[in-house]
Amino acid sequence: MLAGGATRRVFKMQPNMQAKMQRKKAGSVRIIGGQWRGRRLPVPNVASLRPSGDRSRETLFNWLQPYLRMARCVDLFAGTGVLGLEAVSRGAASAVLVEQSHPAAAALCSSVELLKAEQVAVVEGEALAWLAGQAPASIDIAFVDPPFGTALAAAALQTLVESKALRPGGLVYLESARSETGPPAGPAWELLKEKLIGEVRMRLLRKPPAMPN
């Protein structure tokens, strides 16, 4: 079952998030590993889409390789959805792609249909509102790559803590601007990996495992 009991149809919520920053657009993005390696997916002409580059994704999935098999993933602020789709391509059990922009969500649906990715769901709506409604311990890996220069990353981490949707020992990939050097979320998280590539800061966080009684 997909994380949160999602299906492949598109769910709609009323958007109330801050306006996203203008970003450089691309015509397509390529999956670089796994069963869909080399497949190109369309990137719609939507302000704010910033697909993660090949180099940063290769680094990320090298980090995640020991954890991906049968993982339940969510790609918050999904944009092109390439992080969630790459995870499934490399062996994750499922991915939910959450995206507020209607054109971007429609493009995600097209990509899912193109790949015949029955284990991938698309949610059109506000990422934080969706996340707050998920069942405890229903997520193994969360991708958090919101527009740079906003407070959305910190809000997503806080919502993961409050909702308990991420299982104990679960992972969060956080992508931010290079200049964003503050602590990820205090004692609620363990920093496993950190790397700078160009103007991007990559961090892999872990929720502390549950302590035995």
Protein backbone atom coordinates (compact mmCIF):
# COMPACT_ATOMS: atom_id res chain seq x y z
CA MET A 1 0.00 0.00 0.00
CA LEU A 2 1.21 3.51 -0.72
CA ALA A 3 2.22 5.77 2.18
CA GLY A 4 -0.85 7.24 3.82
CA GLY A 5 -3.15 4.90 1.87
CA ALA A 6 -2.88 7.11 -1.23
CA THR A 7 -4.01 5.98 -4.66
CA ARG A 8 -2.89 7.07 -8.09
CA ARG A 9 -5.70 9.55 -8.57
CA VAL A 10 -5.10 13.25 -7.86
CA PHE A 11 -6.38 14.75 -4.60
CA LYS A 12 -7.05 18.49 -4.45
CA MET A 13 -6.71 20.90 -1.52
CA GLN A 14 -7.09 24.65 -1.30
CA PRO A 15 -3.60 26.15 -1.73
CA ASN A 16 -2.50 28.67 0.90
CA MET A 17 1.28 28.34 0.86
CA GLN A 18 3.63 31.26 0.19
CA ALA A 19 4.34 32.09 -3.46
CA LYS A 20 7.26 30.11 -4.79
CA MET A 21 10.44 31.76 -6.02
CA GLN A 22 11.11 32.07 -9.73
CA ARG A 23 13.50 29.39 -10.91
CA LYS A 24 15.19 28.46 -14.16
CA LYS A 25 13.08 26.08 -16.22
CA ALA A 26 14.19 23.01 -18.15
CA GLY A 27 12.59 21.02 -20.95
CA SER A 28 13.08 17.60 -19.40
CA VAL A 29 14.76 15.76 -16.56
CA ARG A 30 16.44 12.36 -16.75
CA ILE A 31 16.18 9.43 -14.35
CA ILE A 32 19.77 8.32 -13.82
CA GLY A 33 19.51 4.89 -12.19
CA GLY A 34 17.44 1.74 -11.76
CA GLN A 35 14.72 0.24 -13.91
CA TRP A 36 13.86 3.56 -15.59
CA ARG A 37 17.45 4.65 -16.12
CA GLY A 38 17.77 7.07 -19.03
CA ARG A 39 14.05 7.84 -19.26
CA ARG A 40 13.35 11.55 -19.71
CA LEU A 41 10.37 13.23 -18.09
CA PRO A 42 8.85 16.57 -19.15
CA VAL A 43 9.34 19.68 -17.03
CA PRO A 44 6.35 22.02 -17.52
CA ASN A 45 6.78 25.75 -18.01
CA VAL A 46 5.95 26.55 -14.39
CA ALA A 47 7.66 29.18 -12.27
CA SER A 48 9.50 27.67 -9.30
CA LEU A 49 10.45 24.28 -10.75
CA ARG A 50 14.10 23.49 -10.05
CA PRO A 51 14.89 19.85 -10.84
CA SER A 52 17.70 18.39 -8.75
CA GLY A 53 20.78 17.99 -10.93
CA ASP A 54 22.29 14.67 -11.98
CA ARG A 55 25.36 15.13 -9.79
CA SER A 56 23.42 15.87 -6.61
CA ARG A 57 20.98 13.02 -7.27
CA GLU A 58 23.83 10.56 -7.81
CA THR A 59 25.30 11.64 -4.47
CA LEU A 60 21.92 11.40 -2.74
CA PHE A 61 21.10 7.92 -3.98
CA ASN A 62 24.55 6.67 -3.11
CA TRP A 63 23.71 7.78 0.44
CA LEU A 64 20.29 6.13 0.31
CA GLN A 65 21.30 2.86 -1.33
CA PRO A 66 21.28 0.82 1.93
CA TYR A 67 17.81 2.12 2.87
CA LEU A 68 15.83 2.14 -0.38
CA ARG A 69 14.68 -1.45 -0.78
CA MET A 70 10.92 -1.61 -0.11
CA ALA A 71 10.92 1.90 1.43
CA ARG A 72 7.72 3.98 1.52
CA CYS A 73 8.73 7.40 0.21
CA VAL A 74 7.11 10.81 -0.06
CA ASP A 75 8.37 13.62 -2.28
CA LEU A 76 7.09 16.83 -0.69
CA PHE A 77 7.09 19.96 -2.91
CA ALA A 78 7.62 17.40 -5.68
CA GLY A 79 7.95 19.71 -8.70
CA THR A 80 9.09 17.33 -11.44
CA GLY A 81 8.80 14.38 -9.05
CA VAL A 82 12.23 13.17 -10.07
CA LEU A 83 13.36 12.37 -6.51
CA GLY A 84 10.38 10.15 -5.74
CA LEU A 85 10.46 8.53 -9.17
CA GLU A 86 14.20 7.93 -8.95
CA ALA A 87 13.66 6.25 -5.56
CA VAL A 88 11.08 3.84 -6.99
CA SER A 89 13.26 3.23 -10.04
CA ARG A 90 16.01 2.10 -7.65
CA GLY A 91 13.89 -0.23 -5.55
CA ALA A 92 11.62 1.73 -3.18
CA ALA A 93 8.24 0.10 -2.64
CA SER A 94 6.20 3.25 -3.26
CA ALA A 95 6.27 7.01 -3.55
CA VAL A 96 3.70 9.76 -3.07
CA LEU A 97 4.43 12.93 -5.06
CA VAL A 98 2.85 16.00 -3.43
CA GLU A 99 2.66 19.15 -5.55
CA GLN A 100 0.50 22.27 -5.21
CA SER A 101 0.77 23.64 -8.76
CA HIS A 102 -1.97 22.24 -10.99
CA PRO A 103 0.15 22.26 -14.21
CA ALA A 104 3.03 20.57 -12.39
CA ALA A 105 0.72 17.98 -10.82
CA ALA A 106 -0.81 17.27 -14.23
CA ALA A 107 2.69 16.75 -15.65
CA LEU A 108 3.45 14.37 -12.78
CA CYS A 109 0.37 12.33 -13.63
CA SER A 110 1.58 12.16 -17.24
CA SER A 111 5.03 11.00 -16.11
CA VAL A 112 3.51 8.30 -13.91
CA GLU A 113 1.38 7.08 -16.81
CA LEU A 114 4.38 7.17 -19.17
CA LEU A 115 6.40 4.99 -16.80
CA LYS A 116 3.43 2.75 -15.93
CA ALA A 117 4.43 3.36 -12.32
CA GLU A 118 1.52 1.79 -10.45
CA GLN A 119 3.37 2.15 -7.13
CA VAL A 120 3.48 5.96 -7.44
CA ALA A 121 0.66 8.30 -6.35
CA VAL A 122 0.22 11.98 -7.20
CA VAL A 123 -1.36 14.34 -4.68
CA GLU A 124 -2.29 17.83 -5.88
CA GLY A 125 -2.40 20.02 -2.80
CA GLU A 126 -0.48 21.70 -0.02
CA ALA A 127 2.36 19.51 1.18
CA LEU A 128 2.22 20.47 4.85
CA ALA A 129 -1.53 19.98 5.12
CA TRP A 130 -1.26 16.56 3.46
CA LEU A 131 1.64 15.55 5.69
CA ALA A 132 -0.18 16.56 8.87
CA GLY A 133 -2.94 14.08 8.05
CA GLN A 134 -0.76 11.00 7.59
CA ALA A 135 -0.77 8.03 9.93
CA PRO A 136 2.08 7.62 12.42
CA ALA A 137 5.10 5.67 11.13
CA SER A 138 3.65 5.51 7.58
CA ILE A 139 6.73 7.03 5.89
CA ASP A 140 10.26 5.61 5.67
CA ILE A 141 11.95 8.32 3.56
CA ALA A 142 10.81 11.91 2.97
CA PHE A 143 12.31 14.18 0.32
CA VAL A 144 12.09 17.85 1.34
CA ASP A 145 13.18 20.16 -1.49
CA PRO A 146 11.05 23.31 -1.30
CA PRO A 147 11.75 26.67 -2.98
CA PHE A 148 14.93 28.20 -1.62
CA GLY A 149 14.71 31.25 0.60
CA THR A 150 11.44 30.24 2.29
CA ALA A 151 10.59 28.80 5.68
CA LEU A 152 9.01 25.69 4.14
CA ALA A 153 11.89 23.31 4.90
CA ALA A 154 11.81 24.08 8.62
CA ALA A 155 8.01 23.85 8.60
CA ALA A 156 8.13 20.46 6.89
CA LEU A 157 10.60 19.12 9.45
CA GLN A 158 8.43 20.40 12.28
CA THR A 159 5.33 18.80 10.74
CA LEU A 160 7.18 15.49 10.41
CA VAL A 161 7.94 15.68 14.12
CA GLU A 162 4.43 16.70 15.20
CA SER A 163 2.54 14.27 12.96
CA LYS A 164 4.88 11.34 13.75
CA ALA A 165 4.31 10.28 10.14
CA LEU A 166 7.99 9.43 9.72
CA ARG A 167 8.78 6.14 11.42
CA PRO A 168 11.47 6.00 14.12
CA GLY A 169 14.78 5.61 12.31
CA GLY A 170 13.27 7.09 9.14
CA LEU A 171 15.23 9.43 6.86
CA VAL A 172 14.73 12.94 5.50
CA TYR A 173 16.64 14.35 2.56
CA LEU A 174 16.79 18.13 2.86
CA GLU A 175 17.95 20.26 -0.08
CA SER A 176 18.51 23.98 0.47
CA ALA A 177 20.57 26.91 -0.70
CA ARG A 178 24.27 26.75 0.12
CA SER A 179 23.92 29.80 2.38
CA GLU A 180 21.34 28.11 4.64
CA THR A 181 23.68 26.84 7.33
CA GLY A 182 21.48 26.77 10.42
CA PRO A 183 20.78 23.57 12.40
CA PRO A 184 18.24 21.30 10.67
CA ALA A 185 15.77 20.93 13.56
CA GLY A 186 17.53 20.61 16.88
CA PRO A 187 17.61 17.36 18.89
CA ALA A 188 14.75 15.81 16.91
CA TRP A 189 17.18 14.87 14.12
CA GLU A 190 20.56 13.22 13.63
CA LEU A 191 22.66 14.61 10.77
CA LEU A 192 24.03 11.62 8.82
CA LYS A 193 25.45 13.29 5.71
CA GLU A 194 26.09 16.80 4.42
CA LYS A 195 27.59 18.00 1.14
CA LEU A 196 27.84 21.20 -0.86
CA ILE A 197 27.47 21.02 -4.64
CA GLY A 198 27.54 24.38 -6.40
CA GLU A 199 24.90 26.57 -4.76
CA VAL A 200 23.10 23.62 -3.17
CA ARG A 201 23.44 22.26 0.37
CA MET A 202 22.47 18.59 0.70
CA ARG A 203 21.68 17.03 4.08
CA LEU A 204 20.52 13.58 5.06
CA LEU A 205 18.80 13.48 8.45
CA ARG A 206 17.60 10.56 10.55
CA LYS A 207 14.82 10.50 13.11
CA PRO A 208 16.23 8.79 16.21
CA PRO A 209 15.18 5.13 16.48
CA ALA A 210 12.66 4.26 19.16
CA MET A 211 14.26 3.31 22.44
CA PRO A 212 13.42 -0.18 23.75
CA ASN A 213 11.22 -0.32 26.84
